[in-house]
Amino acid sequence: MTVTEAAAQRVKALLASRGKESVGVRIGVRTKGCSGLSYTLEFADERNEFDEVMETEGVTILIDPKATMFILGTEMDFVESKLESGFVFRNPNEKGRCGCGESFHV
């Protein structure tokens, strides 16, 4: 998995504004939506035993072990436009995505 500079800067800003100490952020997947899976991103207060740990651009990204096989080779980016902003996951393993972009399947 790779993280763009824009995504790393946004993660840094979110961690700084949280108001409490965090280890980093944890990326995972969960069953949701019409295509089956969606990405999750949450503050991580501690490292779990089997988390995969990435240190990049000055931030710590923890990958939930249940998500590892689904997100191999994925690029995490942060994009902003006039109408929206958010994290974008470009996953070469995706076989399809729902029309609204909320879920995917591999």
Protein backbone atom coordinates (compact mmCIF):
# COMPACT_ATOMS: atom_id res chain seq x y z
CA MET A 1 0.00 0.00 0.00
CA THR A 2 1.16 3.52 -0.74
CA VAL A 3 0.04 6.86 0.67
CA THR A 4 0.30 10.09 -1.32
CA GLU A 5 1.74 13.23 0.19
CA ALA A 6 -1.72 14.85 0.13
CA ALA A 7 -3.22 11.94 2.10
CA ALA A 8 -0.36 11.97 4.61
CA GLN A 9 -0.75 15.73 5.16
CA ARG A 10 -4.50 15.32 5.72
CA VAL A 11 -3.92 12.48 8.20
CA LYS A 12 -1.41 14.68 10.08
CA ALA A 13 -3.96 17.50 10.25
CA LEU A 14 -6.69 15.16 11.50
CA LEU A 15 -4.41 13.67 14.16
CA ALA A 16 -3.32 17.15 15.32
CA SER A 17 -6.91 18.35 15.62
CA ARG A 18 -8.11 15.26 17.49
CA GLY A 19 -7.15 16.62 20.89
CA LYS A 20 -5.77 13.36 22.23
CA GLU A 21 -2.70 11.26 21.55
CA SER A 22 -3.01 8.68 18.78
CA VAL A 23 -0.67 6.04 17.41
CA GLY A 24 -1.90 6.84 13.91
CA VAL A 25 -4.85 5.80 11.76
CA ARG A 26 -6.10 2.29 11.00
CA ILE A 27 -7.34 1.25 7.58
CA GLY A 28 -9.71 -1.66 7.25
CA VAL A 29 -12.60 -3.00 5.23
CA ARG A 30 -16.08 -4.00 6.27
CA THR A 31 -19.10 -5.55 4.66
CA LYS A 32 -21.29 -2.73 3.39
CA GLY A 33 -23.10 -1.42 0.36
CA CYS A 34 -24.34 -2.99 -2.82
CA SER A 35 -20.92 -4.25 -3.97
CA GLY A 36 -19.94 -5.93 -0.71
CA LEU A 37 -17.02 -4.09 0.92
CA SER A 38 -16.15 -0.54 1.93
CA TYR A 39 -12.98 1.04 3.28
CA THR A 40 -12.80 2.16 6.89
CA LEU A 41 -10.44 4.75 8.33
CA GLU A 42 -10.33 5.43 12.06
CA PHE A 43 -8.06 6.88 14.71
CA ALA A 44 -5.87 4.25 16.35
CA ASP A 45 -5.17 4.64 20.06
CA GLU A 46 -2.94 1.56 20.14
CA ARG A 47 -1.33 -0.97 17.86
CA ASN A 48 -3.04 -4.33 17.71
CA GLU A 49 -0.89 -7.44 17.75
CA PHE A 50 -1.36 -8.35 14.09
CA ASP A 51 -1.63 -4.87 12.53
CA GLU A 52 0.65 -4.22 9.59
CA VAL A 53 2.48 -0.96 10.33
CA MET A 54 3.49 1.59 7.70
CA GLU A 55 5.50 4.70 8.48
CA THR A 56 5.27 7.17 5.61
CA GLU A 57 5.54 10.94 5.22
CA GLY A 58 5.73 11.28 9.01
CA VAL A 59 2.50 9.41 9.79
CA THR A 60 1.78 5.91 11.02
CA ILE A 61 -0.74 3.88 9.07
CA LEU A 62 -1.96 0.65 10.64
CA ILE A 63 -3.59 -1.93 8.38
CA ASP A 64 -6.12 -4.25 9.94
CA PRO A 65 -4.98 -7.83 9.24
CA LYS A 66 -8.46 -8.72 7.91
CA ALA A 67 -8.06 -6.03 5.24
CA THR A 68 -4.54 -6.84 4.05
CA MET A 69 -5.50 -9.21 1.24
CA PHE A 70 -8.17 -6.81 -0.06
CA ILE A 71 -5.94 -3.74 -0.26
CA LEU A 72 -2.59 -5.04 -1.53
CA GLY A 73 -1.18 -2.53 -4.01
CA THR A 74 -3.72 0.15 -3.11
CA GLU A 75 -2.89 3.85 -3.22
CA MET A 76 -4.52 6.11 -0.63
CA ASP A 77 -4.95 9.72 -1.73
CA PHE A 78 -6.78 12.80 -0.49
CA VAL A 79 -8.58 14.93 -3.07
CA GLU A 80 -10.37 18.26 -2.78
CA SER A 81 -12.70 19.91 -5.24
CA LYS A 82 -15.21 22.74 -5.03
CA LEU A 83 -18.00 20.36 -4.07
CA GLU A 84 -16.32 17.64 -2.02
CA SER A 85 -13.18 16.41 -0.35
CA GLY A 86 -12.13 13.05 0.98
CA PHE A 87 -9.82 10.09 0.94
CA VAL A 88 -9.73 8.08 -2.28
CA PHE A 89 -8.50 4.50 -2.51
CA ARG A 90 -7.17 3.36 -5.89
CA ASN A 91 -7.17 -0.41 -5.63
CA PRO A 92 -5.88 -2.51 -8.57
CA ASN A 93 -7.62 -5.58 -7.09
CA GLU A 94 -11.13 -4.15 -7.43
CA LYS A 95 -13.29 -6.09 -9.88
CA GLY A 96 -16.19 -3.70 -9.55
CA ARG A 97 -17.59 -0.73 -7.67
CA CYS A 98 -21.14 0.34 -6.95
CA GLY A 99 -22.58 3.33 -8.80
CA CYS A 100 -22.31 5.68 -5.82
CA GLY A 101 -18.70 4.70 -5.14
CA GLU A 102 -19.33 3.66 -1.54
CA SER A 103 -18.47 -0.02 -1.91
CA PHE A 104 -16.38 -2.38 -4.03
CA HIS A 105 -15.68 -6.07 -4.59
CA VAL A 106 -12.54 -8.02 -5.42
